[in-house]
Amino acid sequence: MSERHIVRLENVSRIYQQGEVKVHAVDHLSLNIDRGDFATLSGPSGSGKTTVLNLIGGLDSPTEGSVLLEGRNLSEMSRSEVSAIRRDRIGFVFQSYNLIPVLTAYENAEFVLKLQGVAEKECHDRVMTILNEVGLEGLEHRRPDEMSGGQQQRVAIARAIVTQPAIVLADEPTANVDSVTAAALLDLMQALNENEGITFLFSTHDPMVMERARRMIRLHDGKLESNEVRP
């Protein structure tokens, strides 16, 4: 695999059984995501966007084909190996934030670092740096129910990037915020992409996200409809 490819899907299918019916959520899909991409997965509901994110993120396994992350085939790994890859190399941002409600912004952001066994001082320094970077300085002791939707999504972004992942997978990250907040969040993620080289892959219906993408991947019925790279 070329070093520029951070993700490679090779003839991937994901088939779900619903009673007597087989549903091809992803249908023989081959696709590369390059290091440093700011890419979108778009398409109508049921086109396979979230399934593709789940396959790349190791949350689901293909029925056929291979999913490779940094050259490693997730399908050939044990459950614990995939969990370690997910913890150390992949950041997740969800439309529903998925923050732990009883934890503060700081504690949510540090959670995965604690799982990684990062030393206390390094953990503190990294979390505070990231919270400041995403515009949450002074809010580190607030719990999710004390924050706006945009602030909660900033915590989710901080949590996703504090581990210095290879790629951030964002599933409809602007769906639950207003357009002004969405634009600010996209500015933030675009800056992280351009200044720190973090690779982002979005599943989205949002034209604002697609307008900013350098790679636009469109799916239809689980198949690749187009893969446009902007100069």
Protein backbone atom coordinates (compact mmCIF):
# COMPACT_ATOMS: atom_id res chain seq x y z
CA MET A 1 0.00 0.00 0.00
CA SER A 2 1.31 3.46 -0.87
CA GLU A 3 2.36 5.47 2.18
CA ARG A 4 0.04 8.28 1.16
CA HIS A 5 -3.02 6.06 1.74
CA ILE A 6 -4.12 6.08 5.36
CA VAL A 7 -7.25 4.01 4.62
CA ARG A 8 -7.81 1.46 1.90
CA LEU A 9 -11.04 -0.43 1.26
CA GLU A 10 -10.55 -3.38 -1.09
CA ASN A 11 -13.72 -4.80 -2.65
CA VAL A 12 -15.62 -4.39 0.62
CA SER A 13 -19.20 -5.58 1.11
CA ARG A 14 -21.32 -5.48 4.25
CA ILE A 15 -24.49 -7.56 4.06
CA TYR A 16 -27.17 -7.55 6.75
CA GLN A 17 -29.85 -10.23 7.00
CA GLN A 18 -33.34 -8.85 7.63
CA GLY A 19 -35.62 -11.87 7.81
CA GLU A 20 -35.48 -13.50 4.38
CA VAL A 21 -33.95 -10.42 2.78
CA LYS A 22 -30.24 -9.66 2.39
CA VAL A 23 -29.46 -5.95 2.52
CA HIS A 24 -26.22 -4.84 0.85
CA ALA A 25 -25.35 -1.80 2.99
CA VAL A 26 -21.98 -1.66 1.22
CA ASP A 27 -21.58 -3.40 -2.13
CA HIS A 28 -18.09 -4.26 -3.44
CA LEU A 29 -16.63 -0.87 -2.55
CA SER A 30 -12.99 -0.03 -3.23
CA LEU A 31 -11.74 3.29 -1.95
CA ASN A 32 -8.60 5.06 -0.71
CA ILE A 33 -8.32 7.93 1.77
CA ASP A 34 -5.01 9.80 1.65
CA ARG A 35 -3.05 11.19 4.58
CA GLY A 36 -4.11 14.77 5.18
CA ASP A 37 -7.42 14.42 3.33
CA PHE A 38 -10.39 16.59 4.31
CA ALA A 39 -12.96 14.29 2.77
CA THR A 40 -16.72 13.79 2.75
CA LEU A 41 -18.93 10.75 2.29
CA SER A 42 -22.29 11.84 0.94
CA GLY A 43 -25.34 10.22 -0.59
CA PRO A 44 -29.02 9.63 0.20
CA SER A 45 -30.14 7.90 3.39
CA GLY A 46 -29.35 4.21 3.11
CA SER A 47 -26.43 4.77 0.75
CA GLY A 48 -23.94 3.24 3.19
CA LYS A 49 -22.17 6.30 4.61
CA THR A 50 -22.35 5.40 8.30
CA THR A 51 -21.61 1.74 7.55
CA VAL A 52 -18.41 2.77 5.77
CA LEU A 53 -17.36 4.90 8.76
CA ASN A 54 -18.10 2.00 11.11
CA LEU A 55 -16.04 -0.37 8.96
CA ILE A 56 -13.07 2.02 8.86
CA GLY A 57 -13.41 2.64 12.59
CA GLY A 58 -13.41 -1.06 13.45
CA LEU A 59 -16.93 -0.84 14.89
CA ASP A 60 -18.16 -3.29 12.25
CA SER A 61 -16.55 -5.99 10.09
CA PRO A 62 -16.96 -6.52 6.35
CA THR A 63 -18.83 -9.53 5.03
CA GLU A 64 -16.33 -9.60 2.17
CA GLY A 65 -13.17 -7.71 1.30
CA SER A 66 -10.53 -5.97 3.40
CA VAL A 67 -10.34 -2.73 5.38
CA LEU A 68 -6.78 -1.51 5.90
CA LEU A 69 -5.74 1.30 8.25
CA GLU A 70 -2.13 2.44 7.90
CA GLY A 71 -1.47 -0.77 6.00
CA ARG A 72 -2.90 -3.08 8.67
CA ASN A 73 -5.87 -5.30 7.81
CA LEU A 74 -8.50 -4.84 10.51
CA SER A 75 -10.25 -8.04 9.41
CA GLU A 76 -7.20 -10.12 10.33
CA MET A 77 -6.89 -8.70 13.86
CA SER A 78 -8.27 -9.98 17.13
CA ARG A 79 -10.98 -8.02 18.90
CA SER A 80 -8.46 -6.65 21.40
CA GLU A 81 -6.08 -5.58 18.62
CA VAL A 82 -8.89 -3.73 16.85
CA SER A 83 -9.87 -2.07 20.15
CA ALA A 84 -6.28 -0.88 20.59
CA ILE A 85 -6.21 0.52 17.04
CA ARG A 86 -9.53 2.29 17.66
CA ARG A 87 -8.25 3.72 20.95
CA ASP A 88 -4.84 4.86 19.68
CA ARG A 89 -5.20 5.67 15.97
CA ILE A 90 -8.83 6.72 15.35
CA GLY A 91 -10.78 9.70 16.67
CA PHE A 92 -14.58 9.70 16.54
CA VAL A 93 -16.95 12.69 16.42
CA PHE A 94 -20.69 11.88 16.48
CA GLN A 95 -23.72 14.05 15.74
CA SER A 96 -25.07 13.28 19.23
CA TYR A 97 -21.70 14.23 20.86
CA ASN A 98 -21.57 10.95 22.89
CA LEU A 99 -20.02 12.67 25.89
CA ILE A 100 -20.11 11.03 29.32
CA PRO A 101 -22.71 13.19 31.15
CA VAL A 102 -21.23 12.88 34.66
CA LEU A 103 -17.75 13.95 33.53
CA THR A 104 -16.50 17.50 32.98
CA ALA A 105 -15.16 18.75 29.67
CA TYR A 106 -11.65 18.10 30.95
CA GLU A 107 -12.51 14.57 32.12
CA ASN A 108 -14.24 13.71 28.85
CA ALA A 109 -11.20 14.87 26.88
CA GLU A 110 -8.72 13.00 29.10
CA PHE A 111 -10.73 9.75 29.20
CA VAL A 112 -8.94 7.95 26.36
CA LEU A 113 -5.52 9.22 27.52
CA LYS A 114 -6.22 7.54 30.86
CA LEU A 115 -7.03 4.31 29.02
CA GLN A 116 -3.72 4.66 27.18
CA GLY A 117 -1.87 5.02 30.47
CA VAL A 118 -0.47 8.48 29.69
CA ALA A 119 1.37 10.00 32.66
CA GLU A 120 -0.57 12.53 34.75
CA LYS A 121 1.45 15.64 33.84
CA GLU A 122 1.53 14.86 30.11
CA CYS A 123 -2.18 14.08 30.24
CA HIS A 124 -2.94 17.43 31.89
CA ASP A 125 -0.73 19.38 29.49
CA ARG A 126 -2.20 17.76 26.40
CA VAL A 127 -5.82 18.14 27.53
CA MET A 128 -5.44 21.80 28.50
CA THR A 129 -3.62 22.60 25.26
CA ILE A 130 -6.36 20.94 23.18
CA LEU A 131 -9.23 22.53 25.13
CA ASN A 132 -7.64 25.95 24.60
CA GLU A 133 -7.10 25.15 20.93
CA VAL A 134 -10.78 24.32 20.40
CA GLY A 135 -11.95 27.46 22.21
CA LEU A 136 -12.96 26.00 25.57
CA GLU A 137 -10.50 27.81 27.82
CA GLY A 138 -12.15 28.40 31.20
CA LEU A 139 -14.88 25.82 30.57
CA GLU A 140 -12.90 22.71 31.47
CA HIS A 141 -14.86 22.09 34.70
CA ARG A 142 -18.32 22.24 33.12
CA ARG A 143 -20.33 19.09 32.55
CA PRO A 144 -22.14 18.54 29.23
CA ASP A 145 -25.53 19.69 30.61
CA GLU A 146 -23.91 23.02 31.49
CA MET A 147 -22.73 23.62 27.92
CA SER A 148 -24.33 24.58 24.61
CA GLY A 149 -24.53 22.13 21.73
CA GLY A 150 -21.62 23.82 19.99
CA GLN A 151 -19.50 23.68 23.14
CA GLN A 152 -20.33 19.99 23.61
CA GLN A 153 -19.27 19.29 20.03
CA ARG A 154 -16.01 21.14 20.69
CA VAL A 155 -15.41 18.82 23.65
CA ALA A 156 -16.08 15.88 21.33
CA ILE A 157 -13.56 17.23 18.83
CA ALA A 158 -11.01 17.77 21.62
CA ARG A 159 -11.54 14.18 22.80
CA ALA A 160 -11.10 12.92 19.23
CA ILE A 161 -7.80 14.70 18.57
CA VAL A 162 -6.10 14.70 22.00
CA THR A 163 -4.78 11.18 21.34
CA GLN A 164 -3.06 12.41 18.14
CA PRO A 165 -4.95 9.91 15.94
CA ALA A 166 -4.15 8.96 12.39
CA ILE A 167 -7.67 9.86 11.25
CA VAL A 168 -10.82 11.47 12.65
CA LEU A 169 -14.15 9.96 11.57
CA ALA A 170 -17.00 12.45 11.92
CA ASP A 171 -20.58 11.22 11.50
CA GLU A 172 -22.87 14.19 10.71
CA PRO A 173 -20.98 16.46 13.17
CA THR A 174 -22.95 19.60 12.22
CA ALA A 175 -26.43 18.01 12.33
CA ASN A 176 -27.42 19.20 15.81
CA VAL A 177 -26.04 22.74 15.78
CA ASP A 178 -27.12 25.98 14.09
CA SER A 179 -25.42 27.22 10.93
CA VAL A 180 -23.22 29.79 12.69
CA THR A 181 -21.95 27.18 15.16
CA ALA A 182 -21.51 24.65 12.33
CA ALA A 183 -19.35 27.12 10.40
CA ALA A 184 -17.21 27.76 13.49
CA LEU A 185 -16.76 24.01 14.08
CA LEU A 186 -15.79 23.51 10.44
CA ASP A 187 -13.29 26.38 10.69
CA LEU A 188 -11.78 24.61 13.69
CA MET A 189 -11.54 21.22 11.99
CA GLN A 190 -10.20 22.75 8.79
CA ALA A 191 -7.49 24.54 10.79
CA LEU A 192 -6.55 21.29 12.54
CA ASN A 193 -6.36 19.60 9.15
CA GLU A 194 -4.24 22.32 7.54
CA ASN A 195 -1.98 23.17 10.49
CA GLU A 196 -1.52 19.75 12.09
CA GLY A 197 -2.12 17.43 9.15
CA ILE A 198 -4.99 15.55 10.83
CA THR A 199 -6.98 13.51 8.31
CA PHE A 200 -10.76 14.02 8.49
CA LEU A 201 -13.48 11.88 6.91
CA PHE A 202 -17.05 13.15 7.30
CA SER A 203 -20.33 11.38 6.72
CA THR A 204 -22.66 14.26 5.91
CA HIS A 205 -25.71 15.68 4.17
CA ASP A 206 -24.57 19.23 4.93
CA PRO A 207 -23.68 21.31 1.82
CA MET A 208 -21.52 23.54 4.04
CA VAL A 209 -19.27 20.57 4.88
CA MET A 210 -19.14 19.38 1.27
CA GLU A 211 -18.20 22.86 0.03
CA ARG A 212 -15.05 22.73 2.15
CA ALA A 213 -14.01 19.18 1.27
CA ARG A 214 -10.97 18.55 -0.87
CA ARG A 215 -12.20 15.03 -1.63
CA MET A 216 -15.91 14.38 -2.20
CA ILE A 217 -16.98 10.74 -2.22
CA ARG A 218 -20.58 10.02 -3.17
CA LEU A 219 -22.25 6.68 -2.48
CA HIS A 220 -25.48 5.25 -3.83
CA ASP A 221 -26.95 1.91 -2.71
CA GLY A 222 -23.63 1.00 -1.09
CA LYS A 223 -21.66 1.54 -4.29
CA LEU A 224 -19.18 4.25 -5.25
CA GLU A 225 -20.96 6.78 -7.46
CA SER A 226 -18.18 9.38 -7.68
CA ASN A 227 -14.84 10.29 -6.07
CA GLU A 228 -13.88 13.86 -6.90
CA VAL A 229 -10.61 15.43 -5.72
CA ARG A 230 -10.40 19.19 -5.83
CA PRO A 231 -7.05 20.83 -6.68
